Amino acid sequence: MMSYQGRFSSLRNQRGIAMLAVMVILVMLTALGIAAITVTSLENTSAGYTRTNEAGVQAAESCVQTGAQVIQQVLDSGAVPPGLVWPVGPVVNAANLQPEILLLNTNNADVAIGPAAAPNLRMMVPAVNPIYQVTGDIDKDFRKQSGSGEFGKATIETFFTINCFAQNQATGTVVNVRGEYYCYTGEGDQGCKRQPNS
C-alpha cells in the first residue's frame, strides 16, 4: 500500500503532465488560428488585385473602342473632328493621326507608353476622380483593294491595330489591351469591325 505522501507526489506529477498537455494543445490551436487568419487575409488581397486588374482591363478596353470610333469618324469625314481633339476629346496628336488613318503615310513612330511616349489617344477613367490614365496608339497595319465596283470605284479594306494601356494612378500597375480592326471604305459595306480573338 502506498503512503499518503507517495500518493500526493504521484498526483502532483500528473497535474504537471495535464498542464503540459493543455499548453501544447493551446499552442497548436493558436497556430491554427493564426494560419486561418493569414489565409483569409491573402484571399482578400488576391481578390482586391483581381478587382483592380479587371477595372484596368475595362479602362483599356474603353480606349480600344474609342480608337475604333475615332478611326470611323476620320474615315467618314476626312479629318479628325474638332470635338475629338484633346482636351475636349481623346485625340492628342491629330496632325500625326489623321494622315495615318487616311492612308496618306505609313505608321508614325508613336508609342502609347514609356519615356518617349507620344500617344494618339489619352483618356482619364472615370472622368470624375480618375483612377486610370489611359493612353493608346493607333497604327495602320496594311490595306488592300477589295475589287472594283461601279464607275471604277473600289472598296478599300484597311487593317488597324489599336494598343491601349491603363495605368492605375495609385499603384502604378499597367494593363494592356490590344484590338485589331478592319475597316471598309468605298462602295458597299462600310465601317470598322473588330477581328475575332483580338
Protein backbone atom coordinates (compact mmCIF):
# COMPACT_ATOMS: atom_id res chain seq x y z
CA MET A 1 0.00 0.00 0.00
CA MET A 2 1.18 3.43 -0.90
CA SER A 3 1.66 6.02 1.76
CA TYR A 4 -0.22 9.30 1.79
CA GLN A 5 2.90 11.19 0.84
CA GLY A 6 3.58 8.87 -2.12
CA ARG A 7 0.04 9.37 -3.45
CA PHE A 8 0.30 13.16 -3.16
CA SER A 9 3.61 13.18 -5.02
CA SER A 10 2.17 10.98 -7.76
CA LEU A 11 -0.85 13.27 -8.06
CA ARG A 12 1.34 16.38 -8.35
CA ASN A 13 3.28 14.79 -11.22
CA GLN A 14 0.03 14.02 -13.03
CA ARG A 15 -1.14 17.59 -12.65
CA GLY A 16 2.10 18.75 -14.25
CA ILE A 17 1.59 16.44 -17.22
CA ALA A 18 -2.01 17.60 -17.64
CA MET A 19 -0.87 21.22 -17.60
CA LEU A 20 1.80 20.45 -20.17
CA ALA A 21 -0.76 18.70 -22.41
CA VAL A 22 -3.15 21.68 -22.16
CA MET A 23 -0.33 24.11 -23.01
CA VAL A 24 0.65 22.06 -26.10
CA ILE A 25 -2.98 21.97 -27.25
CA LEU A 26 -3.31 25.76 -26.75
CA VAL A 27 -0.16 26.41 -28.76
CA MET A 28 -1.45 24.19 -31.58
CA LEU A 29 -4.86 25.91 -31.59
CA THR A 30 -3.17 29.34 -31.60
CA ALA A 31 -1.01 28.34 -34.58
CA LEU A 32 -4.08 27.02 -36.39
CA GLY A 33 -5.94 30.29 -35.74
CA ILE A 34 -3.03 32.41 -36.99
CA ALA A 35 -2.81 30.25 -40.14
CA ALA A 36 -6.53 30.67 -40.80
CA ILE A 37 -6.30 34.46 -40.41
CA THR A 38 -3.28 34.59 -42.73
CA VAL A 39 -5.03 32.54 -45.44
CA THR A 40 -8.13 34.74 -45.21
CA SER A 41 -6.01 37.88 -45.48
CA LEU A 42 -4.20 36.51 -48.54
CA GLU A 43 -7.51 35.62 -50.18
CA ASN A 44 -8.82 39.16 -49.60
CA THR A 45 -5.63 40.66 -51.03
CA SER A 46 -5.85 38.38 -54.06
CA ALA A 47 -9.49 39.35 -54.62
CA GLY A 48 -8.52 43.03 -54.45
CA TYR A 49 -5.78 42.55 -57.05
CA THR A 50 -8.24 40.73 -59.29
CA ARG A 51 -10.81 43.54 -59.00
CA THR A 52 -8.15 46.16 -59.74
CA ASN A 53 -6.91 44.21 -62.77
CA GLU A 54 -10.45 43.78 -64.14
CA ALA A 55 -11.10 47.52 -63.76
CA GLY A 56 -7.85 48.23 -65.63
CA VAL A 57 -8.83 45.88 -68.45
CA GLN A 58 -12.20 47.64 -68.73
CA ALA A 59 -10.50 51.05 -68.84
CA ALA A 60 -8.08 49.91 -71.57
CA GLU A 61 -10.92 48.23 -73.48
CA SER A 62 -12.86 51.52 -73.47
CA CYS A 63 -9.81 53.14 -75.06
CA VAL A 64 -9.70 50.47 -77.80
CA GLN A 65 -13.39 51.02 -78.58
CA THR A 66 -12.90 54.79 -78.56
CA GLY A 67 -9.99 54.33 -81.01
CA ALA A 68 -12.26 52.39 -83.37
CA GLN A 69 -14.82 55.21 -83.23
CA VAL A 70 -12.09 57.77 -83.96
CA ILE A 71 -10.95 55.75 -87.00
CA GLN A 72 -14.53 55.50 -88.28
CA GLN A 73 -15.22 59.22 -87.83
CA VAL A 74 -11.96 60.22 -89.55
CA LEU A 75 -12.68 57.88 -92.46
CA ASP A 76 -16.26 59.25 -92.74
CA SER A 77 -15.39 62.96 -92.52
CA GLY A 78 -11.87 63.03 -93.99
CA ALA A 79 -10.47 64.77 -90.91
CA VAL A 80 -10.30 64.47 -87.14
CA PRO A 81 -13.45 66.25 -85.91
CA PRO A 82 -12.64 69.14 -83.54
CA GLY A 83 -14.79 67.56 -80.82
CA LEU A 84 -12.36 64.62 -80.66
CA VAL A 85 -9.20 66.71 -80.15
CA TRP A 86 -7.62 66.97 -76.68
CA PRO A 87 -8.55 68.36 -74.12
CA VAL A 88 -12.20 68.04 -75.23
CA GLY A 89 -11.74 64.61 -76.80
CA PRO A 90 -9.25 61.75 -76.65
CA VAL A 91 -7.07 62.56 -79.70
CA VAL A 92 -3.80 64.21 -78.59
CA ASN A 93 -1.85 64.38 -81.85
CA ALA A 94 -4.34 64.83 -84.66
CA ALA A 95 -1.62 66.10 -87.03
CA ASN A 96 0.08 62.68 -86.98
CA LEU A 97 -3.00 60.51 -86.60
CA GLN A 98 -5.15 61.94 -89.40
CA PRO A 99 -2.73 61.19 -92.29
CA GLU A 100 -2.10 57.73 -90.87
CA ILE A 101 -5.81 56.87 -90.78
CA LEU A 102 -6.48 58.43 -94.18
CA LEU A 103 -3.75 56.27 -95.71
CA LEU A 104 -1.53 59.23 -96.63
CA ASN A 105 1.53 57.89 -94.82
CA THR A 106 2.78 54.79 -93.10
CA ASN A 107 2.92 54.18 -89.38
CA ASN A 108 4.34 57.01 -87.35
CA ALA A 109 6.88 56.26 -84.67
CA ASP A 110 4.37 56.99 -81.95
CA VAL A 111 4.11 54.89 -78.82
CA ALA A 112 1.49 54.95 -76.12
CA ILE A 113 3.65 54.42 -73.04
CA GLY A 114 7.22 54.82 -71.85
CA PRO A 115 9.85 57.56 -71.71
CA ALA A 116 9.37 58.56 -75.36
CA ALA A 117 5.58 58.31 -75.23
CA ALA A 118 3.66 60.17 -77.91
CA PRO A 119 0.22 58.54 -77.74
CA ASN A 120 -2.58 59.08 -80.24
CA LEU A 121 -5.25 58.81 -77.54
CA ARG A 122 -5.37 59.94 -73.92
CA MET A 123 -8.25 59.41 -71.51
CA MET A 124 -8.87 59.63 -67.78
CA VAL A 125 -11.14 56.87 -66.47
CA PRO A 126 -13.52 57.60 -64.89
CA ALA A 127 -13.78 61.22 -65.99
CA VAL A 128 -14.57 62.42 -62.45
CA ASN A 129 -12.00 61.44 -59.79
CA PRO A 130 -9.98 59.40 -62.28
CA ILE A 131 -8.31 56.19 -61.17
CA TYR A 132 -6.69 55.29 -64.51
CA GLN A 133 -4.72 57.30 -67.02
CA VAL A 134 -5.27 55.52 -70.32
CA THR A 135 -3.10 56.06 -73.39
CA GLY A 136 -3.50 54.48 -76.80
CA ASP A 137 -1.74 54.11 -80.12
CA ILE A 138 -3.49 53.58 -83.45
CA ASP A 139 -1.39 52.02 -86.21
CA LYS A 140 -2.33 51.17 -89.76
CA ASP A 141 -1.07 47.64 -90.43
CA PHE A 142 -1.87 47.34 -94.13
CA ARG A 143 -4.55 47.93 -96.73
CA LYS A 144 -5.78 46.13 -99.77
CA GLN A 145 -8.15 46.89 -102.57
CA SER A 146 -11.11 44.51 -102.48
CA GLY A 147 -12.15 44.89 -106.10
CA SER A 148 -13.52 47.36 -108.49
CA GLY A 149 -17.11 48.46 -108.32
CA GLU A 150 -19.43 50.51 -110.45
CA PHE A 151 -17.86 53.56 -112.19
CA GLY A 152 -14.36 52.30 -111.42
CA LYS A 153 -14.69 52.81 -107.65
CA ALA A 154 -13.03 50.25 -105.42
CA THR A 155 -13.63 49.12 -101.90
CA ILE A 156 -10.53 49.51 -99.75
CA GLU A 157 -10.02 47.27 -96.76
CA THR A 158 -7.62 48.70 -94.18
CA PHE A 159 -6.36 46.89 -91.09
CA PHE A 160 -5.64 48.87 -87.93
CA THR A 161 -4.15 47.88 -84.58
CA ILE A 162 -5.23 49.81 -81.50
CA ASN A 163 -2.98 49.28 -78.50
CA CYS A 164 -4.12 50.80 -75.18
CA PHE A 165 -2.53 50.94 -71.74
CA ALA A 166 -4.41 51.71 -68.50
CA GLN A 167 -2.15 52.84 -65.65
CA ASN A 168 -3.57 52.87 -62.13
CA GLN A 169 -2.64 56.27 -60.68
CA ALA A 170 -2.40 54.97 -57.10
CA THR A 171 -0.44 51.75 -57.62
CA GLY A 172 1.32 52.37 -60.94
CA THR A 173 0.21 48.99 -62.31
CA VAL A 174 -0.34 48.90 -66.08
CA VAL A 175 -2.82 46.79 -68.04
CA ASN A 176 -2.55 46.42 -71.84
CA VAL A 177 -5.41 45.63 -74.24
CA ARG A 178 -4.96 45.33 -77.98
CA GLY A 179 -7.64 45.29 -80.67
CA GLU A 180 -7.32 44.67 -84.38
CA TYR A 181 -9.90 46.20 -86.69
CA TYR A 182 -10.55 46.02 -90.39
CA CYS A 183 -12.30 49.00 -91.94
CA TYR A 184 -14.03 49.19 -95.31
CA THR A 185 -14.29 52.39 -97.33
CA GLY A 186 -15.69 52.89 -100.80
CA GLU A 187 -18.73 51.14 -102.22
CA GLY A 188 -20.81 48.57 -100.42
CA ASP A 189 -20.19 47.58 -96.82
CA GLN A 190 -18.58 50.45 -94.93
CA GLY A 191 -17.45 50.63 -91.34
CA CYS A 192 -14.98 49.10 -88.92
CA LYS A 193 -15.25 45.65 -87.41
CA ARG A 194 -13.13 44.06 -84.74
CA GLN A 195 -11.15 40.99 -85.69
CA PRO A 196 -12.22 37.92 -83.73
CA ASN A 197 -9.89 36.97 -80.86
CA SER A 198 -8.27 40.39 -80.58
